[in-house]
Amino acid sequence: MTAQPILTARGLVKRYGRVVALNHADFDLYPGEVLAVIGDNGAGKTTLIKAISGAIRPDEGEIRLDGQKVDFRSPLEARDAGIETVHQTLALSPALSIADNMFLGRELRKPGFRGRWLRALDRDRMEEVARQKLNELGLLTIQNIRQAVETLSGGQRQGVAVVRAATFGSKVIIMDEPTAALGVKESRKVLDLIQDVKSRGLPIVLISHNMPHVFEVADRVHVHRLGQRLCVIDPKQHTMSDAVAYMTGAMEPPSEAAVA
């Protein structure tokens, strides 16, 4: 690819005692693409994503965002740099409203004295922005922006988490198993959301075990094995069986896929 990667990692190492979770792992994400990260259980893909999103600090190696070296000491630092993560657990507060969850930790204050000194929240503005963003990504089924998240379906909750990431993620969005606990209809809505976010120019890292979903939405597939990047394949030129064989070690990847 001629474009420069927006997010790269080189030689990442992470050890937990004698267990080597990352073994000089590399990673590249290009602007405007959906990059799927697949791997068998224990391959280290979750550790890789945690390192990129600031949840852990690697023992060795470097991460670059927009060509600049970064050293995230927490997920908050990664978020401030423009990297938003939609975790499998969603990280939503069930008792709070949709709008409150959208702005959790980033609440808008009222202008003037009330906001600056009394710390009064601008709820009307937060609800207006939340409704606008939900509509932009086609979540028109949510009628009441003030309803508690615990009253929503699984697909709607996933949608709120994705919209929150798309609203505040200025550089990269990472999605960890976004359809794992969803039914067919709700999974379809999330896949459509991924395409909508991509169409807005935001690159997405998709971690998933669901091969049909991966091959439907991904532009490239990063295969992770034994703590490192094994290869990167084009889903249009390889089959799902190929991908499974690569990540389980049943088949060696072609040499041209090993350097991506």
Protein backbone atom coordinates (compact mmCIF):
# COMPACT_ATOMS: atom_id res chain seq x y z
CA MET A 1 0.00 0.00 0.00
CA THR A 2 1.26 3.47 -0.87
CA ALA A 3 -0.37 5.25 2.05
CA GLN A 4 1.49 5.59 5.33
CA PRO A 5 0.09 3.64 8.30
CA ILE A 6 -1.78 5.76 10.85
CA LEU A 7 -0.92 3.35 13.68
CA THR A 8 2.11 1.03 13.85
CA ALA A 9 3.78 -1.21 16.39
CA ARG A 10 7.22 -2.71 16.08
CA GLY A 11 8.86 -5.40 18.18
CA LEU A 12 6.32 -5.38 21.02
CA VAL A 13 7.22 -7.71 23.89
CA LYS A 14 5.06 -8.40 26.93
CA ARG A 15 5.92 -11.01 29.54
CA TYR A 16 3.88 -12.25 32.47
CA GLY A 17 6.46 -14.18 34.48
CA ARG A 18 7.55 -17.03 32.24
CA VAL A 19 4.64 -16.54 29.86
CA VAL A 20 5.50 -14.48 26.78
CA ALA A 21 2.21 -12.94 25.61
CA LEU A 22 3.83 -10.79 22.90
CA ASN A 23 6.98 -11.98 21.19
CA HIS A 24 8.34 -9.07 19.10
CA ALA A 25 4.93 -8.42 17.58
CA ASP A 26 4.37 -5.99 14.69
CA PHE A 27 1.18 -4.20 13.66
CA ASP A 28 0.08 -1.78 10.93
CA LEU A 29 -3.22 0.03 10.50
CA TYR A 30 -3.81 2.17 7.42
CA PRO A 31 -6.16 5.16 7.09
CA GLY A 32 -9.78 4.37 6.27
CA GLU A 33 -9.52 0.58 6.46
CA VAL A 34 -11.13 -2.15 8.52
CA LEU A 35 -8.31 -4.38 9.79
CA ALA A 36 -9.44 -7.65 11.34
CA VAL A 37 -7.18 -9.25 13.95
CA ILE A 38 -7.69 -13.00 14.28
CA GLY A 39 -5.89 -15.68 16.22
CA ASP A 40 -6.42 -18.79 18.29
CA ASN A 41 -7.07 -18.51 22.02
CA GLY A 42 -3.82 -17.58 23.74
CA ALA A 43 -2.25 -16.21 20.56
CA GLY A 44 -1.70 -12.81 22.18
CA LYS A 45 -4.11 -10.72 20.11
CA THR A 46 -5.88 -9.33 23.19
CA THR A 47 -2.53 -8.35 24.72
CA LEU A 48 -1.58 -6.66 21.44
CA ILE A 49 -4.77 -4.62 21.44
CA LYS A 50 -4.35 -3.74 25.12
CA ALA A 51 -0.86 -2.43 24.38
CA ILE A 52 -2.13 -0.30 21.50
CA SER A 53 -5.08 1.06 23.50
CA GLY A 54 -3.03 1.91 26.60
CA ALA A 55 -4.47 -0.78 28.87
CA ILE A 56 -0.99 -2.29 29.37
CA ARG A 57 2.55 -1.06 28.73
CA PRO A 58 4.78 -3.35 26.67
CA ASP A 59 8.16 -4.36 28.09
CA GLU A 60 9.89 -3.68 24.76
CA GLY A 61 9.12 -2.20 21.36
CA GLU A 62 7.50 1.00 20.17
CA ILE A 63 4.11 2.27 19.05
CA ARG A 64 3.65 5.15 16.63
CA LEU A 65 0.51 7.15 15.95
CA ASP A 66 0.60 9.38 12.88
CA GLY A 67 4.33 8.73 12.70
CA GLN A 68 4.94 10.02 16.22
CA LYS A 69 6.19 7.68 18.93
CA VAL A 70 3.69 7.31 21.78
CA ASP A 71 3.93 5.73 25.22
CA PHE A 72 0.44 5.43 26.64
CA ARG A 73 0.41 4.94 30.39
CA SER A 74 -3.36 4.45 30.56
CA PRO A 75 -6.43 4.03 28.33
CA LEU A 76 -7.26 7.66 29.09
CA GLU A 77 -4.04 8.80 27.42
CA ALA A 78 -4.82 6.69 24.35
CA ARG A 79 -8.35 8.10 24.30
CA ASP A 80 -7.04 11.65 24.52
CA ALA A 81 -4.80 10.87 21.52
CA GLY A 82 -7.84 9.82 19.47
CA ILE A 83 -7.93 6.03 20.00
CA GLU A 84 -11.34 4.80 21.16
CA THR A 85 -11.94 1.19 22.21
CA VAL A 86 -15.27 -0.66 22.26
CA HIS A 87 -14.65 -3.44 24.74
CA GLN A 88 -16.47 -6.76 24.69
CA THR A 89 -18.03 -5.81 28.03
CA LEU A 90 -19.07 -2.46 26.43
CA ALA A 91 -18.05 -0.44 29.54
CA LEU A 92 -21.53 1.06 29.84
CA SER A 93 -23.31 2.02 33.06
CA PRO A 94 -26.70 0.25 32.91
CA ALA A 95 -28.53 2.58 35.29
CA LEU A 96 -27.50 5.76 33.44
CA SER A 97 -29.27 7.16 30.40
CA ILE A 98 -28.07 6.81 26.83
CA ALA A 99 -26.91 10.44 26.78
CA ASP A 100 -25.11 10.07 30.11
CA ASN A 101 -23.30 6.98 28.83
CA MET A 102 -22.33 8.73 25.62
CA PHE A 103 -20.62 11.51 27.59
CA LEU A 104 -19.38 9.43 30.54
CA GLY A 105 -16.14 11.05 31.69
CA ARG A 106 -16.55 13.83 29.09
CA GLU A 107 -19.63 15.61 30.39
CA LEU A 108 -20.47 19.00 28.93
CA ARG A 109 -20.82 21.87 31.40
CA LYS A 110 -23.23 24.76 31.14
CA PRO A 111 -21.68 27.96 29.84
CA GLY A 112 -20.76 30.76 32.19
CA PHE A 113 -20.76 30.84 35.97
CA ARG A 114 -23.00 27.80 36.52
CA GLY A 115 -20.82 25.49 34.48
CA ARG A 116 -17.43 26.84 35.50
CA TRP A 117 -17.95 27.27 39.22
CA LEU A 118 -21.04 25.20 40.09
CA ARG A 119 -20.08 22.41 37.65
CA ALA A 120 -23.65 22.26 36.32
CA LEU A 121 -24.11 19.81 33.46
CA ASP A 122 -25.53 20.94 30.12
CA ARG A 123 -27.92 18.00 29.79
CA ASP A 124 -29.91 19.53 26.94
CA ARG A 125 -26.78 19.88 24.82
CA MET A 126 -25.57 16.35 25.65
CA GLU A 127 -28.97 14.89 24.73
CA GLU A 128 -29.04 16.89 21.50
CA VAL A 129 -25.59 15.67 20.43
CA ALA A 130 -26.35 12.06 21.47
CA ARG A 131 -29.57 12.03 19.45
CA GLN A 132 -27.82 13.54 16.44
CA LYS A 133 -24.98 10.98 16.51
CA LEU A 134 -27.37 8.05 16.97
CA ASN A 135 -29.39 9.25 13.98
CA GLU A 136 -26.25 9.66 11.87
CA LEU A 137 -25.44 5.99 12.31
CA GLY A 138 -28.98 4.81 11.74
CA LEU A 139 -30.02 3.93 15.31
CA LEU A 140 -33.50 5.39 14.82
CA THR A 141 -35.09 2.62 16.90
CA ILE A 142 -33.98 4.41 20.07
CA GLN A 143 -36.79 6.87 20.70
CA ASN A 144 -36.04 8.20 24.17
CA ILE A 145 -32.49 9.45 24.68
CA ARG A 146 -33.14 9.60 28.43
CA GLN A 147 -34.00 5.93 28.88
CA ALA A 148 -31.63 3.81 30.93
CA VAL A 149 -29.18 1.66 28.98
CA GLU A 150 -30.38 -1.41 30.92
CA THR A 151 -33.72 -1.16 29.08
CA LEU A 152 -32.06 -1.55 25.66
CA SER A 153 -31.53 -4.74 23.69
CA GLY A 154 -28.03 -6.18 23.29
CA GLY A 155 -27.74 -4.79 19.77
CA GLN A 156 -28.85 -1.33 20.86
CA ARG A 157 -26.33 -1.31 23.72
CA GLN A 158 -23.59 -2.31 21.28
CA GLY A 159 -24.79 0.48 19.01
CA VAL A 160 -24.51 3.05 21.80
CA ALA A 161 -20.95 1.91 22.53
CA VAL A 162 -20.02 2.09 18.84
CA VAL A 163 -21.60 5.52 18.41
CA ARG A 164 -19.74 6.79 21.48
CA ALA A 165 -16.47 5.56 19.99
CA ALA A 166 -17.27 7.03 16.58
CA THR A 167 -18.21 10.37 18.15
CA PHE A 168 -15.00 10.82 20.12
CA GLY A 169 -12.50 8.65 18.25
CA SER A 170 -10.66 11.08 16.01
CA LYS A 171 -7.92 8.70 14.83
CA VAL A 172 -8.68 5.00 15.44
CA ILE A 173 -11.54 2.83 16.67
CA ILE A 174 -10.82 -0.60 18.18
CA MET A 175 -13.71 -3.08 18.50
CA ASP A 176 -13.25 -6.23 20.58
CA GLU A 177 -15.65 -9.05 19.60
CA PRO A 178 -18.54 -6.65 18.89
CA THR A 179 -20.99 -9.38 17.79
CA ALA A 180 -19.98 -12.17 20.20
CA ALA A 181 -23.12 -12.00 22.37
CA LEU A 182 -25.60 -10.86 19.74
CA GLY A 183 -28.23 -12.59 17.62
CA VAL A 184 -28.32 -12.58 13.82
CA LYS A 185 -30.41 -9.42 13.44
CA GLU A 186 -28.44 -7.43 16.01
CA SER A 187 -25.13 -8.62 14.54
CA ARG A 188 -26.25 -7.33 11.15
CA LYS A 189 -26.90 -3.90 12.65
CA VAL A 190 -23.41 -3.80 14.19
CA LEU A 191 -21.78 -4.83 10.89
CA ASP A 192 -23.72 -2.05 9.17
CA LEU A 193 -22.46 0.36 11.86
CA ILE A 194 -18.89 -0.71 11.14
CA GLN A 195 -19.39 0.06 7.45
CA ASP A 196 -20.97 3.42 8.29
CA VAL A 197 -18.04 4.37 10.54
CA LYS A 198 -15.58 3.30 7.84
CA SER A 199 -17.42 5.43 5.26
CA ARG A 200 -16.73 8.44 7.49
CA GLY A 201 -13.00 7.80 7.06
CA LEU A 202 -12.20 6.33 10.47
CA PRO A 203 -9.98 3.22 10.46
CA ILE A 204 -11.24 0.31 12.54
CA VAL A 205 -9.43 -2.56 14.24
CA LEU A 206 -11.84 -5.49 14.53
CA ILE A 207 -10.98 -8.38 16.84
CA SER A 208 -13.27 -11.31 16.09
CA HIS A 209 -13.57 -15.09 16.03
CA ASN A 210 -16.50 -14.90 13.60
CA MET A 211 -14.93 -15.64 10.21
CA PRO A 212 -17.99 -14.82 8.06
CA HIS A 213 -18.16 -11.38 9.70
CA VAL A 214 -14.41 -10.87 9.29
CA PHE A 215 -14.48 -11.76 5.62
CA GLU A 216 -17.53 -9.57 5.03
CA VAL A 217 -16.24 -6.28 6.42
CA ALA A 218 -12.42 -6.49 6.62
CA ASP A 219 -10.10 -4.95 4.03
CA ARG A 220 -7.13 -6.88 5.44
CA VAL A 221 -6.79 -9.67 7.98
CA HIS A 222 -3.94 -9.69 10.53
CA VAL A 223 -3.27 -13.28 11.59
CA HIS A 224 -1.73 -13.49 15.08
CA ARG A 225 -0.02 -16.68 16.24
CA LEU A 226 2.27 -17.51 19.18
CA GLY A 227 2.54 -13.91 20.31
CA GLN A 228 3.46 -12.32 16.99
CA ARG A 229 2.08 -11.33 13.60
CA LEU A 230 2.25 -14.37 11.37
CA CYS A 231 0.97 -12.71 8.21
CA VAL A 232 -1.52 -10.25 6.77
CA ILE A 233 -3.88 -11.57 4.11
CA ASP A 234 -6.35 -10.11 1.65
CA PRO A 235 -9.78 -11.66 2.33
CA LYS A 236 -10.58 -11.42 -1.38
CA GLN A 237 -7.64 -13.68 -2.24
CA HIS A 238 -7.87 -16.19 0.61
CA THR A 239 -10.68 -18.33 1.98
CA MET A 240 -11.96 -18.61 5.54
CA SER A 241 -10.48 -22.10 5.64
CA ASP A 242 -7.11 -20.65 4.69
CA ALA A 243 -7.30 -18.12 7.53
CA VAL A 244 -8.20 -20.79 10.10
CA ALA A 245 -5.38 -23.03 8.84
CA TYR A 246 -2.85 -20.19 9.13
CA MET A 247 -3.83 -19.20 12.65
CA THR A 248 -3.90 -22.78 13.94
CA GLY A 249 -0.60 -23.75 12.31
CA ALA A 250 -2.18 -26.35 10.02
CA MET A 251 -0.83 -24.55 6.96
CA GLU A 252 2.00 -22.12 6.33
CA PRO A 253 0.98 -18.75 4.85
CA PRO A 254 2.29 -17.75 1.41
CA SER A 255 5.56 -15.84 1.53
CA GLU A 256 4.04 -12.65 0.08
CA ALA A 257 1.59 -12.48 3.01
CA ALA A 258 4.34 -12.70 5.62
CA VAL A 259 5.50 -9.13 4.94
CA ALA A 260 2.61 -6.65 4.92
